[in-house]
Amino acid sequence: MTGHYPARHRIHTAIGEKGRLQERGMAKWLDPAVAFVPRLLKQAGYVTAHFGKWHLDAREGAAAGVYGLDSYRTVNDNGPGWSFTTSRAIPRD
């Protein structure tokens, strides 16, 4: 979602278990300041959303909203069990 090769941001595979990230020399999350296609679309007036697996951030309680998404329902399976994060509804004019 950045238009970059993931390795440019020290991401070599899906961001998952925190302990394994350090072993692999990986980042724990994609820097929210990176140019991100959904954020650019939002700035151009589009409503943005993501529904599905989210392997861009291993921080506890991190939400897809910091990446410029208006609405999201993300699934993380980074540890025992699954966790879901849901945003508010898509804004209506």
PDB file of N, CA and C in Angstrom:
ATOM      1  N   MET A   1       0.803  -1.206   0.000  1.00  0.00           N
ATOM      2  CA  MET A   1       0.000   0.000   0.000  1.00  0.00           C
ATOM      3  C   MET A   1       0.846   1.270   0.000  1.00  0.00           C
ATOM      4  N   THR A   2       2.152   1.098  -0.146  1.00  0.00           N
ATOM      5  CA  THR A   2       3.039   2.254  -0.218  1.00  0.00           C
ATOM      6  C   THR A   2       3.574   2.492  -1.619  1.00  0.00           C
ATOM      7  N   GLY A   3       3.541   1.464  -2.454  1.00  0.00           N
ATOM      8  CA  GLY A   3       4.166   1.546  -3.762  1.00  0.00           C
ATOM      9  C   GLY A   3       5.651   1.255  -3.696  1.00  0.00           C
ATOM     10  N   HIS A   4       6.162   0.898  -2.528  1.00  0.00           N
ATOM     11  CA  HIS A   4       7.577   0.576  -2.330  1.00  0.00           C
ATOM     12  C   HIS A   4       7.740  -0.921  -2.128  1.00  0.00           C
ATOM     13  N   TYR A   5       8.937  -1.424  -2.396  1.00  0.00           N
ATOM     14  CA  TYR A   5       9.256  -2.780  -1.994  1.00  0.00           C
ATOM     15  C   TYR A   5       9.266  -2.811  -0.470  1.00  0.00           C
ATOM     16  N   PRO A   6       8.664  -3.829   0.169  1.00  0.00           N
ATOM     17  CA  PRO A   6       8.604  -3.884   1.625  1.00  0.00           C
ATOM     18  C   PRO A   6       9.976  -3.815   2.297  1.00  0.00           C
ATOM     19  N   ALA A   7      11.001  -4.382   1.685  1.00  0.00           N
ATOM     20  CA  ALA A   7      12.331  -4.388   2.293  1.00  0.00           C
ATOM     21  C   ALA A   7      12.864  -2.975   2.517  1.00  0.00           C
ATOM     22  N   ARG A   8      12.384  -2.022   1.755  1.00  0.00           N
ATOM     23  CA  ARG A   8      12.800  -0.626   1.939  1.00  0.00           C
ATOM     24  C   ARG A   8      12.464  -0.136   3.345  1.00  0.00           C
ATOM     25  N   HIS A   9      11.449  -0.757   3.945  1.00  0.00           N
ATOM     26  CA  HIS A   9      10.990  -0.363   5.287  1.00  0.00           C
ATOM     27  C   HIS A   9      11.295  -1.444   6.320  1.00  0.00           C
ATOM     28  N   ARG A  10      12.280  -2.308   6.013  1.00  0.00           N
ATOM     29  CA  ARG A  10      12.688  -3.416   6.888  1.00  0.00           C
ATOM     30  C   ARG A  10      11.542  -4.383   7.164  1.00  0.00           C
ATOM     31  N   ILE A  11      10.713  -4.627   6.166  1.00  0.00           N
ATOM     32  CA  ILE A  11       9.633  -5.604   6.254  1.00  0.00           C
ATOM     33  C   ILE A  11       9.925  -6.669   5.210  1.00  0.00           C
ATOM     34  N   HIS A  12      10.193  -7.881   5.692  1.00  0.00           N
ATOM     35  CA  HIS A  12      10.598  -8.964   4.799  1.00  0.00           C
ATOM     36  C   HIS A  12       9.543 -10.059   4.694  1.00  0.00           C
ATOM     37  N   THR A  13       8.578 -10.041   5.583  1.00  0.00           N
ATOM     38  CA  THR A  13       7.467 -10.987   5.591  1.00  0.00           C
ATOM     39  C   THR A  13       6.348 -10.325   6.397  1.00  0.00           C
ATOM     40  N   ALA A  14       5.215 -10.975   6.526  1.00  0.00           N
ATOM     41  CA  ALA A  14       4.115 -10.391   7.300  1.00  0.00           C
ATOM     42  C   ALA A  14       4.590 -10.077   8.709  1.00  0.00           C
ATOM     43  N   ILE A  15       4.238  -8.908   9.216  1.00  0.00           N
ATOM     44  CA  ILE A  15       4.603  -8.541  10.585  1.00  0.00           C
ATOM     45  C   ILE A  15       3.752  -9.398  11.506  1.00  0.00           C
ATOM     46  N   GLY A  16       4.413 -10.223  12.279  1.00  0.00           N
ATOM     47  CA  GLY A  16       3.697 -11.167  13.129  1.00  0.00           C
ATOM     48  C   GLY A  16       4.214 -11.150  14.542  1.00  0.00           C
ATOM     49  N   GLU A  17       4.611 -12.312  15.033  1.00  0.00           N
ATOM     50  CA  GLU A  17       5.044 -12.444  16.418  1.00  0.00           C
ATOM     51  C   GLU A  17       6.212 -11.507  16.704  1.00  0.00           C
ATOM     52  N   LYS A  18       6.077 -10.733  17.782  1.00  0.00           N
ATOM     53  CA  LYS A  18       7.075  -9.710  18.095  1.00  0.00           C
ATOM     54  C   LYS A  18       8.468 -10.293  18.287  1.00  0.00           C
ATOM     55  N   GLY A  19       8.593 -11.449  18.951  1.00  0.00           N
ATOM     56  CA  GLY A  19       9.895 -12.057  19.190  1.00  0.00           C
ATOM     57  C   GLY A  19      10.615 -12.423  17.907  1.00  0.00           C
ATOM     58  N   ARG A  20       9.881 -12.890  16.934  1.00  0.00           N
ATOM     59  CA  ARG A  20      10.489 -13.299  15.666  1.00  0.00           C
ATOM     60  C   ARG A  20      10.911 -12.094  14.832  1.00  0.00           C
ATOM     61  N   LEU A  21      10.279 -10.948  15.034  1.00  0.00           N
ATOM     62  CA  LEU A  21      10.643  -9.754  14.264  1.00  0.00           C
ATOM     63  C   LEU A  21      12.091  -9.369  14.522  1.00  0.00           C
ATOM     64  N   GLN A  22      12.476  -9.363  15.795  1.00  0.00           N
ATOM     65  CA  GLN A  22      13.843  -8.980  16.149  1.00  0.00           C
ATOM     66  C   GLN A  22      14.852  -9.970  15.572  1.00  0.00           C
ATOM     67  N   GLU A  23      14.514 -11.261  15.620  1.00  0.00           N
ATOM     68  CA  GLU A  23      15.403 -12.276  15.040  1.00  0.00           C
ATOM     69  C   GLU A  23      15.645 -12.014  13.562  1.00  0.00           C
ATOM     70  N   ARG A  24      14.632 -11.543  12.865  1.00  0.00           N
ATOM     71  CA  ARG A  24      14.714 -11.315  11.423  1.00  0.00           C
ATOM     72  C   ARG A  24      15.208  -9.915  11.060  1.00  0.00           C
ATOM     73  N   GLY A  25      15.437  -9.064  12.066  1.00  0.00           N
ATOM     74  CA  GLY A  25      15.877  -7.698  11.787  1.00  0.00           C
ATOM     75  C   GLY A  25      14.799  -6.853  11.148  1.00  0.00           C
ATOM     76  N   MET A  26      13.539  -7.160  11.493  1.00  0.00           N
ATOM     77  CA  MET A  26      12.399  -6.464  10.886  1.00  0.00           C
ATOM     78  C   MET A  26      11.868  -5.342  11.774  1.00  0.00           C
ATOM     79  N   ALA A  27      11.203  -4.407  11.136  1.00  0.00           N
ATOM     80  CA  ALA A  27      10.492  -3.352  11.851  1.00  0.00           C
ATOM     81  C   ALA A  27       9.265  -3.964  12.525  1.00  0.00           C
ATOM     82  N   LYS A  28       8.803  -3.341  13.624  1.00  0.00           N
ATOM     83  CA  LYS A  28       7.611  -3.826  14.326  1.00  0.00           C
ATOM     84  C   LYS A  28       6.334  -3.256  13.722  1.00  0.00           C
ATOM     85  N   TRP A  29       6.474  -2.251  12.875  1.00  0.00           N
ATOM     86  CA  TRP A  29       5.327  -1.656  12.207  1.00  0.00           C
ATOM     87  C   TRP A  29       5.814  -0.846  11.015  1.00  0.00           C
ATOM     88  N   LEU A  30       4.910  -0.589  10.124  1.00  0.00           N
ATOM     89  CA  LEU A  30       5.190   0.313   9.015  1.00  0.00           C
ATOM     90  C   LEU A  30       5.033   1.726   9.547  1.00  0.00           C
ATOM     91  N   ASP A  31       6.032   2.535   9.361  1.00  0.00           N
ATOM     92  CA  ASP A  31       5.998   3.921   9.848  1.00  0.00           C
ATOM     93  C   ASP A  31       4.768   4.631   9.286  1.00  0.00           C
ATOM     94  N   PRO A  32       3.869   5.134  10.157  1.00  0.00           N
ATOM     95  CA  PRO A  32       2.672   5.818   9.665  1.00  0.00           C
ATOM     96  C   PRO A  32       2.959   7.077   8.843  1.00  0.00           C
ATOM     97  N   ALA A  33       4.179   7.607   8.931  1.00  0.00           N
ATOM     98  CA  ALA A  33       4.527   8.809   8.173  1.00  0.00           C
ATOM     99  C   ALA A  33       4.864   8.506   6.707  1.00  0.00           C
ATOM    100  N   VAL A  34       5.047   7.237   6.370  1.00  0.00           N
ATOM    101  CA  VAL A  34       5.368   6.843   4.996  1.00  0.00           C
ATOM    102  C   VAL A  34       4.188   7.196   4.082  1.00  0.00           C
ATOM    103  N   ALA A  35       4.494   7.608   2.862  1.00  0.00           N
ATOM    104  CA  ALA A  35       3.432   7.861   1.880  1.00  0.00           C
ATOM    105  C   ALA A  35       2.645   6.575   1.706  1.00  0.00           C
ATOM    106  N   PHE A  36       1.349   6.655   1.891  1.00  0.00           N
ATOM    107  CA  PHE A  36       0.482   5.481   1.910  1.00  0.00           C
ATOM    108  C   PHE A  36      -0.673   5.747   0.953  1.00  0.00           C
ATOM    109  N   VAL A  37      -0.903   4.867  -0.003  1.00  0.00           N
ATOM    110  CA  VAL A  37      -1.906   5.106  -1.039  1.00  0.00           C
ATOM    111  C   VAL A  37      -3.277   5.491  -0.460  1.00  0.00           C
ATOM    112  N   PRO A  38      -3.813   4.798   0.551  1.00  0.00           N
ATOM    113  CA  PRO A  38      -5.113   5.220   1.087  1.00  0.00           C
ATOM    114  C   PRO A  38      -5.110   6.664   1.620  1.00  0.00           C
ATOM    115  N   ARG A  39      -4.008   7.076   2.233  1.00  0.00           N
ATOM    116  CA  ARG A  39      -3.929   8.457   2.732  1.00  0.00           C
ATOM    117  C   ARG A  39      -3.924   9.451   1.577  1.00  0.00           C
ATOM    118  N   LEU A  40      -3.197   9.134   0.517  1.00  0.00           N
ATOM    119  CA  LEU A  40      -3.158  10.013  -0.648  1.00  0.00           C
ATOM    120  C   LEU A  40      -4.535  10.108  -1.305  1.00  0.00           C
ATOM    121  N   LEU A  41      -5.246   8.969  -1.384  1.00  0.00           N
ATOM    122  CA  LEU A  41      -6.595   8.981  -1.938  1.00  0.00           C
ATOM    123  C   LEU A  41      -7.542   9.808  -1.064  1.00  0.00           C
ATOM    124  N   LYS A  42      -7.397   9.670   0.234  1.00  0.00           N
ATOM    125  CA  LYS A  42      -8.237  10.439   1.170  1.00  0.00           C
ATOM    126  C   LYS A  42      -7.997  11.935   0.979  1.00  0.00           C
ATOM    127  N   GLN A  43      -6.740  12.332   0.820  1.00  0.00           N
ATOM    128  CA  GLN A  43      -6.415  13.738   0.608  1.00  0.00           C
ATOM    129  C   GLN A  43      -7.002  14.255  -0.700  1.00  0.00           C
ATOM    130  N   ALA A  44      -7.233  13.344  -1.647  1.00  0.00           N
ATOM    131  CA  ALA A  44      -7.816  13.728  -2.937  1.00  0.00           C
ATOM    132  C   ALA A  44      -9.344  13.697  -2.899  1.00  0.00           C
ATOM    133  N   GLY A  45      -9.922  13.407  -1.720  1.00  0.00           N
ATOM    134  CA  GLY A  45     -11.365  13.455  -1.570  1.00  0.00           C
ATOM    135  C   GLY A  45     -12.079  12.115  -1.562  1.00  0.00           C
ATOM    136  N   TYR A  46     -11.343  11.029  -1.664  1.00  0.00           N
ATOM    137  CA  TYR A  46     -11.952   9.699  -1.644  1.00  0.00           C
ATOM    138  C   TYR A  46     -12.204   9.250  -0.200  1.00  0.00           C
ATOM    139  N   VAL A  47     -13.176   8.373  -0.021  1.00  0.00           N
ATOM    140  CA  VAL A  47     -13.389   7.691   1.247  1.00  0.00           C
ATOM    141  C   VAL A  47     -12.605   6.393   1.157  1.00  0.00           C
ATOM    142  N   THR A  48     -11.820   6.070   2.191  1.00  0.00           N
ATOM    143  CA  THR A  48     -10.943   4.910   2.135  1.00  0.00           C
ATOM    144  C   THR A  48     -11.365   3.857   3.152  1.00  0.00           C
ATOM    145  N   ALA A  49     -11.100   2.598   2.834  1.00  0.00           N
ATOM    146  CA  ALA A  49     -11.457   1.500   3.729  1.00  0.00           C
ATOM    147  C   ALA A  49     -10.536   0.309   3.485  1.00  0.00           C
ATOM    148  N   HIS A  50     -10.423  -0.534   4.496  1.00  0.00           N
ATOM    149  CA  HIS A  50      -9.683  -1.792   4.389  1.00  0.00           C
ATOM    150  C   HIS A  50     -10.407  -2.816   5.235  1.00  0.00           C
ATOM    151  N   PHE A  51     -10.676  -3.975   4.651  1.00  0.00           N
ATOM    152  CA  PHE A  51     -11.339  -5.056   5.371  1.00  0.00           C
ATOM    153  C   PHE A  51     -10.549  -6.330   5.114  1.00  0.00           C
ATOM    154  N   GLY A  52      -9.981  -6.908   6.153  1.00  0.00           N
ATOM    155  CA  GLY A  52      -9.224  -8.139   5.983  1.00  0.00           C
ATOM    156  C   GLY A  52      -8.017  -8.193   6.887  1.00  0.00           C
ATOM    157  N   LYS A  53      -7.073  -9.047   6.533  1.00  0.00           N
ATOM    158  CA  LYS A  53      -5.877  -9.223   7.360  1.00  0.00           C
ATOM    159  C   LYS A  53      -5.041  -7.946   7.372  1.00  0.00           C
ATOM    160  N   TRP A  54      -4.437  -7.692   8.539  1.00  0.00           N
ATOM    161  CA  TRP A  54      -3.636  -6.488   8.712  1.00  0.00           C
ATOM    162  C   TRP A  54      -2.291  -6.887   9.288  1.00  0.00           C
ATOM    163  N   HIS A  55      -1.276  -6.929   8.459  1.00  0.00           N
ATOM    164  CA  HIS A  55       0.059  -7.315   8.900  1.00  0.00           C
ATOM    165  C   HIS A  55       1.026  -6.152   8.731  1.00  0.00           C
ATOM    166  N   LEU A  56       0.593  -4.954   9.085  1.00  0.00           N
ATOM    167  CA  LEU A  56       1.463  -3.791   8.948  1.00  0.00           C
ATOM    168  C   LEU A  56       1.869  -3.201  10.290  1.00  0.00           C
ATOM    169  N   ASP A  57       1.349  -3.738  11.386  1.00  0.00           N
ATOM    170  CA  ASP A  57       1.617  -3.128  12.681  1.00  0.00           C
ATOM    171  C   ASP A  57       1.462  -4.166  13.783  1.00  0.00           C
ATOM    172  N   ALA A  58       2.517  -4.392  14.570  1.00  0.00           N
ATOM    173  CA  ALA A  58       2.468  -5.370  15.655  1.00  0.00           C
ATOM    174  C   ALA A  58       2.292  -4.701  17.007  1.00  0.00           C
ATOM    175  N   ARG A  59       2.071  -3.374  17.037  1.00  0.00           N
ATOM    176  CA  ARG A  59       1.874  -2.703  18.328  1.00  0.00           C
ATOM    177  C   ARG A  59       0.521  -3.088  18.898  1.00  0.00           C
ATOM    178  N   GLU A  60       0.469  -3.232  20.189  1.00  0.00           N
ATOM    179  CA  GLU A  60      -0.777  -3.591  20.861  1.00  0.00           C
ATOM    180  C   GLU A  60      -1.798  -2.474  20.682  1.00  0.00           C
ATOM    181  N   GLY A  61      -2.960  -2.800  20.175  1.00  0.00           N
ATOM    182  CA  GLY A  61      -4.036  -1.822  20.024  1.00  0.00           C
ATOM    183  C   GLY A  61      -3.865  -0.856  18.869  1.00  0.00           C
ATOM    184  N   ALA A  62      -2.879  -1.084  18.003  1.00  0.00           N
ATOM    185  CA  ALA A  62      -2.680  -0.182  16.871  1.00  0.00           C
ATOM    186  C   ALA A  62      -3.837  -0.314  15.895  1.00  0.00           C
ATOM    187  N   ALA A  63      -4.269   0.781  15.368  1.00  0.00           N
ATOM    188  CA  ALA A  63      -5.424   0.781  14.472  1.00  0.00           C
ATOM    189  C   ALA A  63      -5.012   1.228  13.074  1.00  0.00           C
ATOM    190  N   ALA A  64      -5.721   0.719  12.097  1.00  0.00           N
ATOM    191  CA  ALA A  64      -5.446   1.067  10.702  1.00  0.00           C
ATOM    192  C   ALA A  64      -5.724   2.536  10.413  1.00  0.00           C
ATOM    193  N   GLY A  65      -6.477   3.200  11.263  1.00  0.00           N
ATOM    194  CA  GLY A  65      -6.811   4.606  11.062  1.00  0.00           C
ATOM    195  C   GLY A  65      -5.605   5.525  11.002  1.00  0.00           C
ATOM    196  N   VAL A  66      -4.509   5.180  11.664  1.00  0.00           N
ATOM    197  CA  VAL A  66      -3.316   6.032  11.630  1.00  0.00           C
ATOM    198  C   VAL A  66      -2.677   6.037  10.245  1.00  0.00           C
ATOM    199  N   TYR A  67      -3.114   5.127   9.387  1.00  0.00           N
ATOM    200  CA  TYR A  67      -2.593   5.052   8.027  1.00  0.00           C
ATOM    201  C   TYR A  67      -3.514   5.733   7.016  1.00  0.00           C
ATOM    202  N   GLY A  68      -4.511   6.463   7.484  1.00  0.00           N
ATOM    203  CA  GLY A  68      -5.361   7.225   6.587  1.00  0.00           C
ATOM    204  C   GLY A  68      -6.619   6.524   6.134  1.00  0.00           C
ATOM    205  N   LEU A  69      -7.031   5.483   6.836  1.00  0.00           N
ATOM    206  CA  LEU A  69      -8.241   4.750   6.461  1.00  0.00           C
ATOM    207  C   LEU A  69      -9.439   5.285   7.236  1.00  0.00           C
ATOM    208  N   ASP A  70     -10.515   5.569   6.532  1.00  0.00           N
ATOM    209  CA  ASP A  70     -11.731   6.055   7.180  1.00  0.00           C
ATOM    210  C   ASP A  70     -12.461   4.941   7.901  1.00  0.00           C
ATOM    211  N   SER A  71     -12.494   3.783   7.298  1.00  0.00           N
ATOM    212  CA  SER A  71     -13.230   2.660   7.866  1.00  0.00           C
ATOM    213  C   SER A  71     -12.404   1.400   7.678  1.00  0.00           C
ATOM    214  N   TYR A  72     -12.422   0.521   8.677  1.00  0.00           N
ATOM    215  CA  TYR A  72     -11.670  -0.719   8.562  1.00  0.00           C
ATOM    216  C   TYR A  72     -12.209  -1.759   9.534  1.00  0.00           C
ATOM    217  N   ARG A  73     -12.024  -2.981   9.158  1.00  0.00           N
ATOM    218  CA  ARG A  73     -12.206  -4.123  10.050  1.00  0.00           C
ATOM    219  C   ARG A  73     -11.042  -5.029   9.726  1.00  0.00           C
ATOM    220  N   THR A  74     -10.097  -5.065  10.634  1.00  0.00           N
ATOM    221  CA  THR A  74      -8.872  -5.801  10.384  1.00  0.00           C
ATOM    222  C   THR A  74      -8.804  -7.035  11.263  1.00  0.00           C
ATOM    223  N   VAL A  75      -8.094  -8.016  10.778  1.00  0.00           N
ATOM    224  CA  VAL A  75      -7.905  -9.281  11.481  1.00  0.00           C
ATOM    225  C   VAL A  75      -6.412  -9.450  11.710  1.00  0.00           C
ATOM    226  N   ASN A  76      -6.039  -9.718  12.955  1.00  0.00           N
ATOM    227  CA  ASN A  76      -4.652 -10.033  13.280  1.00  0.00           C
ATOM    228  C   ASN A  76      -4.612 -11.440  13.842  1.00  0.00           C
ATOM    229  N   ASP A  77      -3.704 -12.245  13.343  1.00  0.00           N
ATOM    230  CA  ASP A  77      -3.518 -13.589  13.893  1.00  0.00           C
ATOM    231  C   ASP A  77      -2.055 -13.743  14.298  1.00  0.00           C
ATOM    232  N   ASN A  78      -1.539 -12.722  14.992  1.00  0.00           N
ATOM    233  CA  ASN A  78      -0.130 -12.678  15.346  1.00  0.00           C
ATOM    234  C   ASN A  78       0.230 -13.445  16.602  1.00  0.00           C
ATOM    235  N   GLY A  79      -0.711 -14.032  17.266  1.00  0.00           N
ATOM    236  CA  GLY A  79      -0.418 -14.751  18.492  1.00  0.00           C
ATOM    237  C   GLY A  79      -1.459 -15.813  18.703  1.00  0.00           C
ATOM    238  N   PRO A  80      -1.646 -16.199  19.947  1.00  0.00           N
ATOM    239  CA  PRO A  80      -2.681 -17.204  20.202  1.00  0.00           C
ATOM    240  C   PRO A  80      -4.063 -16.603  19.939  1.00  0.00           C
ATOM    241  N   GLY A  81      -4.798 -17.201  19.056  1.00  0.00           N
ATOM    242  CA  GLY A  81      -6.134 -16.699  18.738  1.00  0.00           C
ATOM    243  C   GLY A  81      -6.095 -15.565  17.730  1.00  0.00           C
ATOM    244  N   TRP A  82      -7.259 -15.066  17.436  1.00  0.00           N
ATOM    245  CA  TRP A  82      -7.426 -13.990  16.465  1.00  0.00           C
ATOM    246  C   TRP A  82      -7.924 -12.766  17.192  1.00  0.00           C
ATOM    247  N   SER A  83      -7.595 -11.584  16.680  1.00  0.00           N
ATOM    248  CA  SER A  83      -8.151 -10.349  17.235  1.00  0.00           C
ATOM    249  C   SER A  83      -8.663  -9.497  16.082  1.00  0.00           C
ATOM    250  N   PHE A  84      -9.693  -8.739  16.367  1.00  0.00           N
ATOM    251  CA  PHE A  84     -10.322  -7.892  15.358  1.00  0.00           C
ATOM    252  C   PHE A  84     -10.283  -6.449  15.835  1.00  0.00           C
ATOM    253  N   THR A  85     -10.092  -5.541  14.925  1.00  0.00           N
ATOM    254  CA  THR A  85     -10.166  -4.111  15.208  1.00  0.00           C
ATOM    255  C   THR A  85     -11.145  -3.522  14.203  1.00  0.00           C
ATOM    256  N   THR A  86     -12.096  -2.754  14.695  1.00  0.00           N
ATOM    257  CA  THR A  86     -13.109  -2.170  13.819  1.00  0.00           C
ATOM    258  C   THR A  86     -13.172  -0.674  14.048  1.00  0.00           C
ATOM    259  N   SER A  87     -13.297   0.072  12.965  1.00  0.00           N
ATOM    260  CA  SER A  87     -13.422   1.531  13.049  1.00  0.00           C
ATOM    261  C   SER A  87     -14.883   1.921  13.114  1.00  0.00           C
ATOM    262  N   ARG A  88     -15.081   3.201  13.159  1.00  0.00           N
ATOM    263  CA  ARG A  88     -16.435   3.742  13.050  1.00  0.00           C
ATOM    264  C   ARG A  88     -16.928   3.531  11.623  1.00  0.00           C
ATOM    265  N   ALA A  89     -18.178   3.761  11.386  1.00  0.00           N
ATOM    266  CA  ALA A  89     -18.752   3.570  10.048  1.00  0.00           C
ATOM    267  C   ALA A  89     -18.151   4.573   9.065  1.00  0.00           C
ATOM    268  N   ILE A  90     -18.241   4.252   7.787  1.00  0.00           N
ATOM    269  CA  ILE A  90     -17.771   5.163   6.747  1.00  0.00           C
ATOM    270  C   ILE A  90     -18.605   6.440   6.823  1.00  0.00           C
ATOM    271  N   PRO A  91     -17.951   7.601   6.844  1.00  0.00           N
ATOM    272  CA  PRO A  91     -18.714   8.854   6.941  1.00  0.00           C
ATOM    273  C   PRO A  91     -19.587   9.086   5.714  1.00  0.00           C
ATOM    274  N   ARG A  92     -20.740   9.608   5.926  1.00  0.00           N
ATOM    275  CA  ARG A  92     -21.682   9.927   4.846  1.00  0.00           C
ATOM    276  C   ARG A  92     -21.828  11.428   4.744  1.00  0.00           C
ATOM    277  N   ASP A  93     -22.004  11.941   3.536  1.00  0.00           N
ATOM    278  CA  ASP A  93     -22.219  13.374   3.340  1.00  0.00           C
ATOM    279  C   ASP A  93     -23.655  13.730   3.630  1.00  0.00           C
TER     280      ASP A  93
END
